[in-house]
Amino acid sequence: MGQIALEGMEFFAFHGYYDEEQKIGNKYGVDLYITTDLHAAGASDRLHETVNYEVLYRVVAEEMLAPARLLEHLGYRVIDRVMEEFPYIEAVQVSVSKFNPPLGGICHRARVTLDRQRGD
């Protein structure tokens, strides 16, 4: 087993609990970690033996386009899509951050981290 990570992905999107947040948008960050068998790719040096990073990024980007009220919901959607698109992945962990959340004070980001193992 091994881990593939896409860290520091940034998106401007229209998520948020308040209607105004969904109208004006905000900057979001996503870190994605997947656990899968990397032996075949390590031995063969062939892309089709592993997870294509471009496809993984596209999946996250597509989920970021659909508004969500909660970061938790958004994170679950990302995990669902990744597990669906890549049935051989054993586990997924995703962190979704909202930069400068409207809390009435200084906060650089609010973040939720979710993980799921295949079969959970």
Protein backbone atom coordinates (compact mmCIF):
# COMPACT_ATOMS: atom_id res chain seq x y z
CA MET A 1 0.00 0.00 0.00
CA GLY A 2 0.98 3.60 -0.47
CA GLN A 3 -0.42 7.09 -0.30
CA ILE A 4 -1.02 9.66 -3.03
CA ALA A 5 -1.66 13.24 -1.91
CA LEU A 6 -2.89 16.35 -3.68
CA GLU A 7 -2.15 19.14 -1.21
CA GLY A 8 -2.93 22.81 -1.36
CA MET A 9 -5.59 22.77 -4.07
CA GLU A 10 -7.36 26.15 -4.11
CA PHE A 11 -10.73 27.07 -5.54
CA PHE A 12 -13.01 30.08 -5.59
CA ALA A 13 -16.46 28.69 -4.93
CA PHE A 14 -19.92 29.56 -3.66
CA HIS A 15 -20.40 27.48 -0.53
CA GLY A 16 -21.64 28.61 2.86
CA TYR A 17 -24.40 28.35 5.38
CA TYR A 18 -25.63 31.90 4.74
CA ASP A 19 -27.30 32.85 1.46
CA GLU A 20 -24.94 35.80 1.08
CA GLU A 21 -21.91 33.49 1.20
CA GLN A 22 -23.37 31.51 -1.67
CA LYS A 23 -23.80 34.72 -3.68
CA ILE A 24 -20.41 36.41 -3.13
CA GLY A 25 -18.23 33.30 -2.90
CA ASN A 26 -14.97 32.69 -1.10
CA LYS A 27 -11.62 30.96 -1.43
CA TYR A 28 -11.42 27.31 -0.36
CA GLY A 29 -8.58 24.89 0.08
CA VAL A 30 -8.63 21.13 -0.32
CA ASP A 31 -6.06 18.52 0.69
CA LEU A 32 -6.73 14.99 -0.52
CA TYR A 33 -4.98 11.79 0.56
CA ILE A 34 -5.73 8.39 -0.90
CA THR A 35 -4.43 4.97 0.09
CA THR A 36 -4.04 2.40 -2.64
CA ASP A 37 -1.72 -0.33 -3.88
CA LEU A 38 1.18 1.38 -5.68
CA HIS A 39 3.25 -1.75 -6.28
CA ALA A 40 2.29 -2.28 -9.93
CA ALA A 41 2.92 1.37 -10.88
CA GLY A 42 6.22 1.35 -9.01
CA ALA A 43 7.36 -1.74 -10.91
CA SER A 44 6.01 -0.82 -14.36
CA ASP A 45 6.31 3.00 -14.51
CA ARG A 46 2.94 3.03 -16.33
CA LEU A 47 0.22 5.58 -15.61
CA HIS A 48 -2.63 3.12 -16.10
CA GLU A 49 -1.31 1.14 -13.11
CA THR A 50 -2.01 3.99 -10.66
CA VAL A 51 -4.37 6.87 -9.95
CA ASN A 52 -4.13 9.62 -12.54
CA TYR A 53 -3.60 12.89 -10.61
CA GLU A 54 -5.34 14.91 -13.31
CA VAL A 55 -8.49 12.82 -13.01
CA LEU A 56 -8.34 13.04 -9.22
CA TYR A 57 -8.03 16.85 -9.42
CA ARG A 58 -10.93 17.04 -11.90
CA VAL A 59 -13.17 15.08 -9.53
CA VAL A 60 -12.45 17.54 -6.70
CA ALA A 61 -12.88 20.56 -8.99
CA GLU A 62 -16.27 19.30 -10.20
CA GLU A 63 -17.52 18.85 -6.64
CA MET A 64 -16.32 22.34 -5.74
CA LEU A 65 -18.60 23.76 -8.47
CA ALA A 66 -21.82 22.57 -6.79
CA PRO A 67 -22.74 24.81 -3.82
CA ALA A 68 -22.97 23.28 -0.36
CA ARG A 69 -24.06 24.81 2.93
CA LEU A 70 -21.57 22.89 5.07
CA LEU A 71 -17.91 21.95 4.64
CA GLU A 72 -18.81 18.55 6.07
CA HIS A 73 -21.26 17.93 3.23
CA LEU A 74 -18.75 19.05 0.65
CA GLY A 75 -16.10 16.74 2.09
CA TYR A 76 -18.45 13.76 2.02
CA ARG A 77 -19.32 14.49 -1.61
CA VAL A 78 -15.63 14.52 -2.55
CA ILE A 79 -15.03 11.21 -0.77
CA ASP A 80 -18.09 9.64 -2.42
CA ARG A 81 -16.94 10.69 -5.89
CA VAL A 82 -13.35 9.56 -5.39
CA MET A 83 -14.49 6.14 -4.13
CA GLU A 84 -16.91 5.86 -7.06
CA GLU A 85 -14.38 6.88 -9.73
CA PHE A 86 -11.57 4.71 -8.34
CA PRO A 87 -13.03 1.44 -6.99
CA TYR A 88 -9.56 0.05 -6.16
CA ILE A 89 -8.71 2.85 -3.69
CA GLU A 90 -8.66 1.51 -0.13
CA ALA A 91 -9.11 4.77 1.82
CA VAL A 92 -9.66 8.50 1.30
CA GLN A 93 -9.01 11.44 3.60
CA VAL A 94 -10.05 14.97 2.65
CA SER A 95 -9.61 18.30 4.40
CA VAL A 96 -11.73 21.20 3.19
CA SER A 97 -10.89 24.72 4.37
CA LYS A 98 -12.78 27.99 4.04
CA PHE A 99 -10.43 30.97 4.10
CA ASN A 100 -11.43 34.00 6.20
CA PRO A 101 -14.77 32.57 7.39
CA PRO A 102 -17.37 35.13 8.51
CA LEU A 103 -17.03 34.62 12.28
CA GLY A 104 -16.97 38.24 13.43
CA GLY A 105 -13.25 38.15 14.15
CA ILE A 106 -9.89 37.11 12.78
CA CYS A 107 -9.70 33.49 11.64
CA HIS A 108 -7.47 32.49 8.75
CA ARG A 109 -9.45 29.38 7.91
CA ALA A 110 -12.06 26.95 9.13
CA ARG A 111 -11.33 23.32 8.26
CA VAL A 112 -13.02 19.95 8.43
CA THR A 113 -11.21 16.66 7.89
CA LEU A 114 -13.05 13.49 6.96
CA ASP A 115 -11.87 10.01 6.13
CA ARG A 116 -13.36 6.77 4.95
CA GLN A 117 -12.07 3.27 4.38
CA ARG A 118 -13.59 1.08 1.70
CA GLY A 119 -16.37 -0.96 3.29
CA ASP A 120 -17.22 1.64 5.97
